[in-house]
Every structure is written in structure tokens, then in C-alpha cells.
Amino acid sequence: MRLLLDTNVFVRFVDGRLDRDLRDALAASGAEVQISVANLWEIAIKVRLGKLPLRVSPEDLPAFIDSVGFALLTIKAPHVLADVDP
């Protein structure tokens, strides 16, 4: 099962505030958990503005993502332009 976490769920995971059902889903055998670079961008902006205290610094998030076995999804121009009407 593939799971793409939104920023709110990812932040709660990082801070250890995720409810049990979601933690179980992320830990389930065969779960492919993915985090978008856009999530990191949003987090960095909110931390810089002082609107988001976070247990892990934004600079350390890519290593954190790797350490917990999640995948980091990059964003490229074709991804952004895929939904543009011709």
C-alpha cells in the first residue's frame, strides 16, 4: 500500500503526536510511505516564520525521512505541468 503523507500528518509523525491507527498504518508490512519535497518546502517556510516549532530541524528532515524508511518524492516540471490543459 502506498501512502503519501500530507504536511500535517508528517509533522505529527516527526513530533511523535500521531494517533495509534495512523502509526499502525505507517508501520504495516508492505506500506510504502512517501513524503513530497513540497512538504519540506512548506515546513521550512513555517519554521522560518516562527509558526511551526519542530523537534527536527528542516535541514535534518531528509536524513530523518531516510532513517525511518520513508521515500522522498522530488518534484520536476512534468509533474507540475501534468494537469495543465493543452
C-alpha atoms as a PDB file:
ATOM      1  CA  MET A   1       0.000   0.000   0.000  1.00  0.00           C
ATOM      2  CA  ARG A   2       1.367   3.409  -0.999  1.00  0.00           C
ATOM      3  CA  LEU A   3       0.815   6.301   1.389  1.00  0.00           C
ATOM      4  CA  LEU A   4       1.622   9.914   0.514  1.00  0.00           C
ATOM      5  CA  LEU A   5       1.610  11.897   3.751  1.00  0.00           C
ATOM      6  CA  ASP A   6       0.375  15.453   3.846  1.00  0.00           C
ATOM      7  CA  THR A   7       2.387  18.006   5.796  1.00  0.00           C
ATOM      8  CA  ASN A   8       0.167  17.926   8.889  1.00  0.00           C
ATOM      9  CA  VAL A   9       0.409  14.146   9.265  1.00  0.00           C
ATOM     10  CA  PHE A  10       4.158  14.177   8.623  1.00  0.00           C
ATOM     11  CA  VAL A  11       4.761  16.910  11.228  1.00  0.00           C
ATOM     12  CA  ARG A  12       2.715  14.975  13.781  1.00  0.00           C
ATOM     13  CA  PHE A  13       4.768  11.857  12.975  1.00  0.00           C
ATOM     14  CA  VAL A  14       8.062  13.744  13.400  1.00  0.00           C
ATOM     15  CA  ASP A  15       6.935  15.150  16.747  1.00  0.00           C
ATOM     16  CA  GLY A  16       5.587  11.793  17.984  1.00  0.00           C
ATOM     17  CA  ARG A  17       1.992  13.022  18.102  1.00  0.00           C
ATOM     18  CA  LEU A  18       0.447  10.655  15.546  1.00  0.00           C
ATOM     19  CA  ASP A  19      -2.529   8.620  16.722  1.00  0.00           C
ATOM     20  CA  ARG A  20      -2.183   4.856  17.034  1.00  0.00           C
ATOM     21  CA  ASP A  21      -4.228   3.931  13.935  1.00  0.00           C
ATOM     22  CA  LEU A  22      -2.069   6.092  11.681  1.00  0.00           C
ATOM     23  CA  ARG A  23       1.157   4.850  13.288  1.00  0.00           C
ATOM     24  CA  ASP A  24      -0.017   1.269  12.702  1.00  0.00           C
ATOM     25  CA  ALA A  25      -0.827   2.018   9.054  1.00  0.00           C
ATOM     26  CA  LEU A  26       2.625   3.523   8.500  1.00  0.00           C
ATOM     27  CA  ALA A  27       4.304   0.539  10.139  1.00  0.00           C
ATOM     28  CA  ALA A  28       2.208  -2.059   8.272  1.00  0.00           C
ATOM     29  CA  SER A  29       4.076  -4.626   6.256  1.00  0.00           C
ATOM     30  CA  GLY A  30       4.233  -3.548   2.640  1.00  0.00           C
ATOM     31  CA  ALA A  31       3.422   0.113   3.344  1.00  0.00           C
ATOM     32  CA  GLU A  32       5.374   2.460   1.080  1.00  0.00           C
ATOM     33  CA  VAL A  33       5.331   5.814   2.861  1.00  0.00           C
ATOM     34  CA  GLN A  34       6.230   8.816   0.764  1.00  0.00           C
ATOM     35  CA  ILE A  35       6.907  12.455   1.617  1.00  0.00           C
ATOM     36  CA  SER A  36       6.941  15.131  -1.068  1.00  0.00           C
ATOM     37  CA  VAL A  37       9.649  17.759  -1.364  1.00  0.00           C
ATOM     38  CA  ALA A  38       6.705  20.193  -1.295  1.00  0.00           C
ATOM     39  CA  ASN A  39       6.078  19.101   2.316  1.00  0.00           C
ATOM     40  CA  LEU A  40       9.653  20.028   3.217  1.00  0.00           C
ATOM     41  CA  TRP A  41       9.257  23.369   1.490  1.00  0.00           C
ATOM     42  CA  GLU A  42       6.080  24.124   3.434  1.00  0.00           C
ATOM     43  CA  ILE A  43       7.709  23.096   6.719  1.00  0.00           C
ATOM     44  CA  ALA A  44      10.800  25.239   6.053  1.00  0.00           C
ATOM     45  CA  ILE A  45       8.640  28.290   5.361  1.00  0.00           C
ATOM     46  CA  LYS A  46       6.557  27.796   8.515  1.00  0.00           C
ATOM     47  CA  VAL A  47       9.628  27.194  10.704  1.00  0.00           C
ATOM     48  CA  ARG A  48      11.348  30.294   9.286  1.00  0.00           C
ATOM     49  CA  LEU A  49       8.247  32.389  10.038  1.00  0.00           C
ATOM     50  CA  GLY A  50       8.138  31.045  13.588  1.00  0.00           C
ATOM     51  CA  LYS A  51       4.758  29.382  13.036  1.00  0.00           C
ATOM     52  CA  LEU A  52       5.927  25.789  13.441  1.00  0.00           C
ATOM     53  CA  PRO A  53       8.116  24.544  16.245  1.00  0.00           C
ATOM     54  CA  LEU A  54       9.539  21.182  15.214  1.00  0.00           C
ATOM     55  CA  ARG A  55      11.599  18.555  17.042  1.00  0.00           C
ATOM     56  CA  VAL A  56      13.802  18.008  13.960  1.00  0.00           C
ATOM     57  CA  SER A  57      15.366  20.938  12.104  1.00  0.00           C
ATOM     58  CA  PRO A  58      14.239  21.344   8.479  1.00  0.00           C
ATOM     59  CA  GLU A  59      17.837  20.714   7.357  1.00  0.00           C
ATOM     60  CA  ASP A  60      17.783  17.310   9.063  1.00  0.00           C
ATOM     61  CA  LEU A  61      14.426  16.171   7.671  1.00  0.00           C
ATOM     62  CA  PRO A  62      15.795  14.394   4.561  1.00  0.00           C
ATOM     63  CA  ALA A  63      18.047  12.234   6.767  1.00  0.00           C
ATOM     64  CA  PHE A  64      15.152  11.670   9.195  1.00  0.00           C
ATOM     65  CA  ILE A  65      12.901  10.563   6.315  1.00  0.00           C
ATOM     66  CA  ASP A  66      15.550   8.104   5.190  1.00  0.00           C
ATOM     67  CA  SER A  67      16.188   6.839   8.733  1.00  0.00           C
ATOM     68  CA  VAL A  68      12.532   5.870   9.242  1.00  0.00           C
ATOM     69  CA  GLY A  69      12.331   4.136   5.859  1.00  0.00           C
ATOM     70  CA  PHE A  70      10.142   6.683   4.074  1.00  0.00           C
ATOM     71  CA  ALA A  71      10.773   7.790   0.493  1.00  0.00           C
ATOM     72  CA  LEU A  72      11.307  11.414  -0.526  1.00  0.00           C
ATOM     73  CA  LEU A  73       9.488  12.340  -3.722  1.00  0.00           C
ATOM     74  CA  THR A  74      11.033  15.004  -5.885  1.00  0.00           C
ATOM     75  CA  ILE A  75       9.056  17.436  -7.983  1.00  0.00           C
ATOM     76  CA  LYS A  76      10.016  18.056 -11.592  1.00  0.00           C
ATOM     77  CA  ALA A  77       8.486  20.271 -14.258  1.00  0.00           C
ATOM     78  CA  PRO A  78       6.473  17.433 -15.880  1.00  0.00           C
ATOM     79  CA  HIS A  79       4.842  16.691 -12.513  1.00  0.00           C
ATOM     80  CA  VAL A  80       3.772  20.295 -12.099  1.00  0.00           C
ATOM     81  CA  LEU A  81       2.592  20.641 -15.683  1.00  0.00           C
ATOM     82  CA  ALA A  82       0.767  17.307 -15.889  1.00  0.00           C
ATOM     83  CA  ASP A  83      -2.610  18.846 -15.033  1.00  0.00           C
ATOM     84  CA  VAL A  84      -2.336  21.887 -17.299  1.00  0.00           C
ATOM     85  CA  ASP A  85      -4.984  21.981 -20.009  1.00  0.00           C
ATOM     86  CA  PRO A  86      -3.475  21.980 -23.506  1.00  0.00           C
END
